[in-house]
């Protein structure tokens, strides 16, 4: 295993709030691994990143998730020093780095393109950064061997990049980044060029590598499943702004905006009205009163959106429906292996309501056929109240 220390290159001292500090000195145990204080980035009149406050814990696997053009790669580039912030300050392990060039920061980056030197062996590629830093030859050999063991390529050191698969080349890129022992490893959609099966396998391998080395990983992706599978915490970005930060389960089960609910997985949305006289319930468009997971609303809020995940909706025969059920009609059923997806229409929603049926439960097989009268019901705790009444999904610009 690689025993991580601080950078092989020392940063120049710089003044922060009137004090001289080193760009690489470690902070205290409570110091965030990365901190953005009021950081924003503009290109002319276009705002790529809105003023952002963000703390990433030391040793955390943190994911920046969002659609193309949302600002996630720009945020990563700000941390790495590839672009300078328009406003704000960036700290790594308590030390300010936004005035330092990339090579003076205790950070390394893995990109989607492997950027391996085709004329060098795997071992030479991994050793390149250490040689540029003039690390002792014996120390270099030891650290390169440790890095190759870490990524499971100890037997491939003498091969050329062209002799490796795409997944193996990406692991070489990870080893080359980690061998410098950075405080932070930035990963910009590193698995995006791989096929689905290999991508899923490398998701697990990267998580295991992170657990082994314990350094801070900041991972950029537009793939929701990838973020939910790998990250300790996820930040969902939308048009330069962080919409929500939380652990994957919280992001999925308790989204704070319609954009987050719509971007993460499948969702059913119901326009609803708040009844001040009946706390914990709302009235849907067809007049049905349903319960929801409680949350504080701004005073005077009347129009809201109720979000329910497909797997949280249960199907019943109309005569067996519990109180608060919605009358609906099946439109289509599709067997998807792990579950059957049932599309229904009902007066409470302008859109089709999707249900993920994992077992027959109350219903026999024929009730899942199209054009059947059914009833939809969910537990109040599975319905999330979103204060935005309309769709908040914005079109991002590249």
Protein backbone atom coordinates (compact mmCIF):
# COMPACT_ATOMS: atom_id res chain seq x y z
CA UNK A 1 0.00 0.00 0.00
CA UNK A 2 1.19 3.55 -0.66
CA UNK A 3 1.83 5.47 2.54
CA UNK A 4 0.66 8.96 1.65
CA UNK A 5 2.54 12.02 2.76
CA UNK A 6 2.62 15.55 1.43
CA UNK A 7 3.86 16.79 -1.90
CA UNK A 8 7.35 16.18 -3.14
CA UNK A 9 7.52 19.82 -4.26
CA UNK A 10 7.26 22.64 -1.78
CA UNK A 11 5.00 25.57 -2.58
CA UNK A 12 6.17 29.13 -2.25
CA UNK A 13 4.97 30.94 0.88
CA UNK A 14 2.05 33.29 0.32
CA UNK A 15 0.25 35.85 2.41
CA UNK A 16 -3.22 34.91 3.68
CA UNK A 17 -4.99 37.47 5.85
CA UNK A 18 -1.69 39.11 6.62
CA UNK A 19 0.18 35.90 7.57
CA UNK A 20 2.83 33.94 5.72
CA UNK A 21 1.72 30.35 5.02
CA UNK A 22 3.04 27.44 3.03
CA UNK A 23 0.85 26.15 0.21
CA UNK A 24 1.24 22.53 1.33
CA UNK A 25 1.39 22.46 5.13
CA UNK A 26 -1.24 20.16 6.61
CA UNK A 27 -4.08 21.55 8.68
CA UNK A 28 -5.48 20.26 11.94
CA UNK A 29 -7.58 17.11 12.26
CA UNK A 30 -10.76 19.19 11.85
CA UNK A 31 -9.51 21.09 8.80
CA UNK A 32 -11.47 20.36 5.58
CA UNK A 33 -9.56 18.65 2.81
CA UNK A 34 -10.86 21.30 0.41
CA UNK A 35 -12.72 24.52 1.10
CA UNK A 36 -14.24 27.00 -1.34
CA UNK A 37 -15.12 30.37 0.17
CA UNK A 38 -17.34 32.51 -2.04
CA UNK A 39 -15.71 31.10 -5.18
CA UNK A 40 -17.19 32.09 -8.53
CA UNK A 41 -16.04 32.01 -12.14
CA UNK A 42 -17.13 34.22 -15.02
CA UNK A 43 -16.14 34.16 -18.67
CA UNK A 44 -17.08 37.63 -19.87
CA UNK A 45 -20.78 38.00 -19.15
CA UNK A 46 -21.32 34.26 -18.73
CA UNK A 47 -21.28 32.92 -15.17
CA UNK A 48 -19.90 29.36 -15.18
CA UNK A 49 -19.92 29.00 -11.38
CA UNK A 50 -22.12 31.04 -9.05
CA UNK A 51 -20.60 32.19 -5.71
CA UNK A 52 -20.04 28.88 -3.93
CA UNK A 53 -19.40 27.84 -0.34
CA UNK A 54 -18.20 24.25 -0.17
CA UNK A 55 -16.36 22.06 2.33
CA UNK A 56 -15.02 18.65 1.32
CA UNK A 57 -13.82 16.54 4.23
CA UNK A 58 -10.25 15.35 4.35
CA UNK A 59 -10.13 11.80 2.97
CA UNK A 60 -13.66 11.94 1.55
CA UNK A 61 -14.82 10.53 -1.78
CA UNK A 62 -16.81 13.53 -3.00
CA UNK A 63 -18.73 13.64 -6.27
CA UNK A 64 -19.72 16.65 -8.38
CA UNK A 65 -22.78 15.52 -10.34
CA UNK A 66 -24.80 17.30 -12.98
CA UNK A 67 -25.64 17.63 -16.69
CA UNK A 68 -23.28 19.05 -19.31
CA UNK A 69 -22.60 22.73 -18.79
CA UNK A 70 -23.65 22.81 -15.12
CA UNK A 71 -20.21 23.95 -13.86
CA UNK A 72 -18.88 20.72 -12.39
CA UNK A 73 -15.73 20.52 -14.53
CA UNK A 74 -15.11 24.24 -14.02
CA UNK A 75 -15.30 23.69 -10.26
CA UNK A 76 -12.80 20.84 -10.56
CA UNK A 77 -10.52 23.06 -12.66
CA UNK A 78 -10.71 25.81 -10.02
CA UNK A 79 -9.52 23.35 -7.35
CA UNK A 80 -6.75 22.06 -9.61
CA UNK A 81 -5.60 25.52 -10.63
CA UNK A 82 -6.31 25.13 -14.35
CA UNK A 83 -8.54 28.22 -14.20
CA UNK A 84 -8.44 31.11 -11.73
CA UNK A 85 -11.52 32.15 -9.74
CA UNK A 86 -13.12 35.47 -10.53
CA UNK A 87 -13.87 35.91 -6.83
CA UNK A 88 -13.28 33.94 -3.64
CA UNK A 89 -10.57 31.81 -2.06
CA UNK A 90 -9.68 28.11 -2.28
CA UNK A 91 -8.03 26.17 0.55
CA UNK A 92 -6.49 22.69 0.58
CA UNK A 93 -5.88 21.23 4.03
CA UNK A 94 -6.23 24.71 5.52
CA UNK A 95 -3.77 26.44 3.21
CA UNK A 96 -4.81 28.94 0.56
CA UNK A 97 -3.95 27.79 -2.97
CA UNK A 98 -5.94 29.91 -5.42
CA UNK A 99 -2.84 32.09 -5.98
CA UNK A 100 -0.67 29.08 -6.77
CA UNK A 101 -0.13 27.50 -10.23
CA UNK A 102 -1.24 23.86 -10.64
CA UNK A 103 2.23 22.37 -10.19
CA UNK A 104 2.62 24.10 -6.82
CA UNK A 105 -0.61 22.63 -5.42
CA UNK A 106 -0.66 19.28 -3.64
CA UNK A 107 -3.14 17.99 -6.22
CA UNK A 108 -3.10 15.57 -9.14
CA UNK A 109 -5.67 14.91 -11.85
CA UNK A 110 -6.97 11.92 -13.81
CA UNK A 111 -8.80 12.76 -17.03
CA UNK A 112 -11.12 10.76 -19.29
CA UNK A 113 -8.32 10.56 -21.86
CA UNK A 114 -5.55 8.49 -20.35
CA UNK A 115 -2.77 10.76 -21.72
CA UNK A 116 -0.18 8.00 -21.39
CA UNK A 117 3.13 8.31 -23.23
CA UNK A 118 2.89 5.66 -25.98
CA UNK A 119 6.69 5.24 -26.24
CA UNK A 120 7.11 4.50 -22.51
CA UNK A 121 6.36 1.32 -20.60
CA UNK A 122 3.73 1.22 -17.90
CA UNK A 123 6.43 1.50 -15.24
CA UNK A 124 8.04 4.48 -17.00
CA UNK A 125 4.69 6.24 -17.34
CA UNK A 126 3.99 5.87 -13.63
CA UNK A 127 7.51 7.02 -12.72
CA UNK A 128 7.49 10.09 -14.98
CA UNK A 129 6.23 12.61 -12.41
CA UNK A 130 8.69 11.41 -9.76
CA UNK A 131 11.57 11.75 -12.19
CA UNK A 132 10.51 15.29 -13.08
CA UNK A 133 10.51 16.03 -9.34
CA UNK A 134 14.00 14.48 -9.11
CA UNK A 135 13.01 11.90 -6.54
CA UNK A 136 15.79 9.44 -5.73
CA UNK A 137 15.94 6.50 -8.17
CA UNK A 138 15.56 3.85 -5.47
CA UNK A 139 12.66 5.70 -3.87
CA UNK A 140 11.06 6.08 -7.30
CA UNK A 141 11.31 2.34 -8.01
CA UNK A 142 9.78 1.49 -4.63
CA UNK A 143 6.88 3.90 -5.00
CA UNK A 144 6.16 2.87 -8.60
CA UNK A 145 5.99 -0.78 -7.55
CA UNK A 146 3.64 0.08 -4.69
CA UNK A 147 1.42 2.09 -7.03
CA UNK A 148 1.20 -0.74 -9.55
CA UNK A 149 0.26 -3.19 -6.79
CA UNK A 150 -2.41 -0.76 -5.62
CA UNK A 151 -4.13 -0.73 -9.03
CA UNK A 152 -3.57 -4.45 -9.66
CA UNK A 153 -1.05 -4.03 -12.49
CA UNK A 154 2.14 -5.27 -10.81
CA UNK A 155 2.65 -7.83 -13.60
CA UNK A 156 2.19 -5.29 -16.41
CA UNK A 157 5.04 -2.89 -15.64
CA UNK A 158 7.07 -3.74 -18.75
CA UNK A 159 4.18 -3.55 -21.21
CA UNK A 160 3.51 -0.65 -23.54
CA UNK A 161 0.18 1.25 -23.27
CA UNK A 162 -0.95 -0.12 -26.65
CA UNK A 163 -0.77 -3.64 -25.21
CA UNK A 164 -3.33 -2.80 -22.49
CA UNK A 165 -7.12 -2.65 -22.50
CA UNK A 166 -8.90 0.66 -21.93
CA UNK A 167 -9.61 -0.22 -18.31
CA UNK A 168 -5.97 -1.16 -17.69
CA UNK A 169 -4.77 2.10 -19.26
CA UNK A 170 -7.09 4.06 -16.98
CA UNK A 171 -5.66 2.24 -13.96
CA UNK A 172 -2.16 3.21 -15.12
CA UNK A 173 -3.33 6.83 -15.21
CA UNK A 174 -4.64 6.49 -11.64
CA UNK A 175 -1.34 4.93 -10.48
CA UNK A 176 0.63 7.76 -12.12
CA UNK A 177 -1.52 10.33 -10.32
CA UNK A 178 -1.31 8.61 -6.92
CA UNK A 179 2.41 7.86 -6.98
CA UNK A 180 3.11 11.56 -6.32
CA UNK A 181 1.16 11.19 -3.06
CA UNK A 182 -1.15 14.18 -3.51
CA UNK A 183 -3.42 15.51 -0.79
CA UNK A 184 -6.23 15.61 -3.35
CA UNK A 185 -6.94 13.48 -6.42
CA UNK A 186 -9.23 15.07 -9.00
CA UNK A 187 -11.01 12.73 -11.41
CA UNK A 188 -12.75 14.28 -14.43
CA UNK A 189 -15.17 11.66 -15.81
CA UNK A 190 -12.33 9.09 -15.90
CA UNK A 191 -14.59 6.16 -16.86
CA UNK A 192 -16.63 7.94 -19.51
CA UNK A 193 -14.87 6.34 -22.48
CA UNK A 194 -15.31 2.76 -21.23
CA UNK A 195 -18.12 0.32 -21.99
CA UNK A 196 -20.85 -0.17 -19.37
CA UNK A 197 -19.68 -3.50 -17.95
CA UNK A 198 -16.06 -2.33 -17.55
CA UNK A 199 -17.20 1.00 -16.13
CA UNK A 200 -19.19 -0.74 -13.40
CA UNK A 201 -16.21 -2.92 -12.48
CA UNK A 202 -13.84 0.05 -12.31
CA UNK A 203 -16.32 1.94 -10.13
CA UNK A 204 -15.82 -0.77 -7.52
CA UNK A 205 -12.05 -0.81 -8.02
CA UNK A 206 -11.75 2.97 -7.63
CA UNK A 207 -13.79 2.84 -4.44
CA UNK A 208 -11.46 0.16 -3.07
CA UNK A 209 -8.38 2.20 -4.06
CA UNK A 210 -9.82 5.22 -2.28
CA UNK A 211 -10.38 3.14 0.84
CA UNK A 212 -6.77 1.92 0.68
CA UNK A 213 -5.04 5.27 0.19
CA UNK A 214 -7.38 7.48 2.26
CA UNK A 215 -6.67 10.61 0.24
CA UNK A 216 -9.38 13.08 -0.80
CA UNK A 217 -11.06 12.14 -4.10
CA UNK A 218 -13.13 14.70 -6.02
CA UNK A 219 -14.95 12.95 -8.84
CA UNK A 220 -16.85 14.63 -11.69
CA UNK A 221 -19.58 12.76 -13.55
CA UNK A 222 -22.95 13.22 -15.26
CA UNK A 223 -23.83 9.58 -14.49
CA UNK A 224 -26.23 9.45 -11.53
CA UNK A 225 -25.65 5.74 -10.84
CA UNK A 226 -21.89 6.24 -10.85
CA UNK A 227 -22.15 9.02 -8.28
CA UNK A 228 -24.55 7.10 -6.05
CA UNK A 229 -22.40 3.96 -6.20
CA UNK A 230 -19.03 5.51 -5.36
CA UNK A 231 -19.36 8.72 -3.38
CA UNK A 232 -19.47 9.38 0.36
CA UNK A 233 -21.33 12.59 -0.46
CA UNK A 234 -22.72 14.07 -3.68
CA UNK A 235 -23.16 17.69 -4.78
CA UNK A 236 -25.80 18.10 -7.50
CA UNK A 237 -25.08 21.11 -9.72
CA UNK A 238 -27.44 22.99 -12.02
CA UNK A 239 -26.36 25.94 -14.19
CA UNK A 240 -23.38 26.90 -12.03
CA UNK A 241 -25.10 26.46 -8.67
CA UNK A 242 -25.07 23.66 -6.11
CA UNK A 243 -28.68 22.57 -5.67
CA UNK A 244 -28.07 20.05 -2.88
CA UNK A 245 -25.25 18.26 -1.03
CA UNK A 246 -25.80 15.03 0.87
CA UNK A 247 -25.12 11.33 1.15
CA UNK A 248 -26.51 9.35 -1.81
CA UNK A 249 -29.52 8.01 0.10
CA UNK A 250 -30.51 11.50 1.23
CA UNK A 251 -30.15 12.93 -2.27
CA UNK A 252 -32.36 10.18 -3.67
CA UNK A 253 -35.01 9.93 -0.97
CA UNK A 254 -35.21 13.58 0.15
CA UNK A 255 -34.44 15.86 -2.82
CA UNK A 256 -34.79 19.54 -1.96
CA UNK A 257 -35.71 20.75 -5.43
CA UNK A 258 -37.57 19.48 -8.45
CA UNK A 259 -34.36 19.60 -10.46
CA UNK A 260 -32.60 17.20 -8.06
CA UNK A 261 -35.61 14.88 -7.93
CA UNK A 262 -35.87 14.87 -11.72
CA UNK A 263 -32.14 14.42 -12.36
CA UNK A 264 -31.59 11.58 -9.86
CA UNK A 265 -33.52 8.51 -10.97
CA UNK A 266 -37.14 8.41 -12.10
CA UNK A 267 -39.78 10.49 -10.32
CA UNK A 268 -43.52 11.07 -10.39
CA UNK A 269 -44.65 14.65 -9.78
CA UNK A 270 -48.08 15.78 -8.61
CA UNK A 271 -49.18 19.41 -8.46
CA UNK A 272 -50.72 19.99 -5.02
CA UNK A 273 -52.24 22.62 -2.79
CA UNK A 274 -51.45 23.10 0.88
CA UNK A 275 -54.42 23.00 3.24
CA UNK A 276 -53.50 25.08 6.29
CA UNK A 277 -56.21 23.38 8.29
CA UNK A 278 -54.81 19.86 7.79
CA UNK A 279 -51.14 19.68 8.69
CA UNK A 280 -49.20 16.88 7.01
CA UNK A 281 -51.53 16.55 4.03
CA UNK A 282 -51.95 18.22 0.64
CA UNK A 283 -54.75 18.20 -1.92
CA UNK A 284 -53.99 16.88 -5.40
CA UNK A 285 -55.52 18.08 -8.67
CA UNK A 286 -58.33 15.49 -8.55
CA UNK A 287 -59.27 16.51 -5.01
CA UNK A 288 -57.63 13.54 -3.28
CA UNK A 289 -56.05 14.39 0.06
CA UNK A 290 -52.72 12.59 0.64
CA UNK A 291 -50.07 12.63 3.35
CA UNK A 292 -46.41 13.47 2.86
CA UNK A 293 -43.03 13.51 4.58
CA UNK A 294 -43.17 16.68 6.66
CA UNK A 295 -41.00 19.70 5.98
CA UNK A 296 -41.10 23.37 6.89
CA UNK A 297 -42.66 25.57 4.23
CA UNK A 298 -42.25 29.30 3.73
CA UNK A 299 -45.14 31.20 5.29
CA UNK A 300 -48.05 31.55 2.90
CA UNK A 301 -46.97 28.76 0.53
CA UNK A 302 -49.98 27.31 -1.23
CA UNK A 303 -48.85 25.65 -4.46
CA UNK A 304 -46.34 22.82 -4.10
CA UNK A 305 -45.17 19.68 -5.89
CA UNK A 306 -45.40 16.20 -4.42
CA UNK A 307 -42.70 13.76 -5.57
CA UNK A 308 -43.05 9.97 -5.31
CA UNK A 309 -40.52 7.43 -6.64
CA UNK A 310 -41.92 4.64 -8.88
CA UNK A 311 -40.88 1.88 -6.47
CA UNK A 312 -42.79 3.58 -3.63
CA UNK A 313 -46.17 3.37 -5.39
CA UNK A 314 -48.28 0.27 -4.72
CA UNK A 315 -50.99 -1.06 -7.02
CA UNK A 316 -54.34 -2.26 -5.73
CA UNK A 317 -57.59 -3.41 -7.17
CA UNK A 318 -60.07 -0.50 -6.88
CA UNK A 319 -62.29 -2.45 -4.45
CA UNK A 320 -59.31 -3.13 -2.13
CA UNK A 321 -57.79 0.35 -2.25
CA UNK A 322 -56.72 1.97 1.06
CA UNK A 323 -57.95 5.48 1.94
CA UNK A 324 -56.13 8.21 0.01
CA UNK A 325 -55.60 6.05 -3.10
CA UNK A 326 -55.76 7.49 -6.60
CA UNK A 327 -58.00 6.03 -9.29
CA UNK A 328 -55.92 5.20 -12.39
CA UNK A 329 -55.83 3.14 -15.57
CA UNK A 330 -52.87 1.10 -16.82
CA UNK A 331 -51.47 2.18 -20.20
CA UNK A 332 -48.47 -0.08 -20.67
CA UNK A 333 -46.52 -2.74 -18.82
CA UNK A 334 -42.90 -3.68 -19.51
CA UNK A 335 -40.88 -6.49 -17.95
CA UNK A 336 -37.37 -5.16 -17.17
CA UNK A 337 -35.84 -8.18 -15.46
CA UNK A 338 -35.58 -7.02 -11.86
CA UNK A 339 -39.06 -5.48 -11.95
CA UNK A 340 -42.07 -4.70 -14.11
CA UNK A 341 -42.65 -1.06 -15.03
CA UNK A 342 -46.28 -0.08 -15.23
CA UNK A 343 -47.31 3.20 -16.84
CA UNK A 344 -50.65 4.59 -15.71
CA UNK A 345 -52.71 7.69 -16.20
CA UNK A 346 -54.84 9.38 -13.55
CA UNK A 347 -56.68 12.64 -13.01
CA UNK A 348 -54.23 13.71 -10.29
CA UNK A 349 -51.33 14.13 -12.74
CA UNK A 350 -50.91 15.62 -16.20
CA UNK A 351 -48.10 13.14 -16.89
CA UNK A 352 -48.04 9.37 -16.90
CA UNK A 353 -47.45 7.89 -13.46
CA UNK A 354 -44.76 5.19 -13.48
CA UNK A 355 -44.76 2.31 -11.00
CA UNK A 356 -41.95 -0.22 -10.46
CA UNK A 357 -43.57 -3.50 -9.42
CA UNK A 358 -41.11 -5.94 -7.86
CA UNK A 359 -43.72 -8.55 -6.93
CA UNK A 360 -47.37 -9.23 -7.70
CA UNK A 361 -48.49 -8.40 -4.18
CA UNK A 362 -52.17 -7.44 -4.19
CA UNK A 363 -52.50 -7.97 -7.91
CA UNK A 364 -52.69 -11.00 -10.12
CA UNK A 365 -50.84 -11.04 -13.43
CA UNK A 366 -53.82 -10.02 -15.56
CA UNK A 367 -54.31 -6.80 -13.57
CA UNK A 368 -50.91 -5.63 -14.81
CA UNK A 369 -52.11 -5.77 -18.40
CA UNK A 370 -52.89 -2.54 -20.22
CA UNK A 371 -56.28 -0.83 -19.93
CA UNK A 372 -57.09 -2.05 -16.42
CA UNK A 373 -58.68 0.01 -13.66
CA UNK A 374 -56.34 0.17 -10.66
CA UNK A 375 -55.70 2.21 -7.53
CA UNK A 376 -52.37 3.85 -6.66
CA UNK A 377 -51.27 4.23 -3.05
CA UNK A 378 -48.07 5.14 -1.21
CA UNK A 379 -46.95 5.57 2.37
CA UNK A 380 -46.94 9.22 3.48
CA UNK A 381 -43.25 8.99 4.41
CA UNK A 382 -42.42 8.11 0.79
CA UNK A 383 -43.94 11.30 -0.61
CA UNK A 384 -41.61 14.31 -0.63
CA UNK A 385 -42.93 17.85 -0.60
CA UNK A 386 -41.12 20.28 -2.91
CA UNK A 387 -41.95 23.94 -2.55
CA UNK A 388 -41.45 24.71 -6.23
CA UNK A 389 -44.78 24.18 -7.94
CA UNK A 390 -43.43 24.16 -11.50
CA UNK A 391 -40.57 22.41 -13.19
CA UNK A 392 -37.24 23.90 -12.20
CA UNK A 393 -35.10 21.93 -14.61
CA UNK A 394 -33.02 24.40 -16.57
CA UNK A 395 -31.30 23.92 -19.87
CA UNK A 396 -27.57 24.29 -19.36
CA UNK A 397 -25.39 25.87 -21.99
CA UNK A 398 -22.10 24.34 -22.92
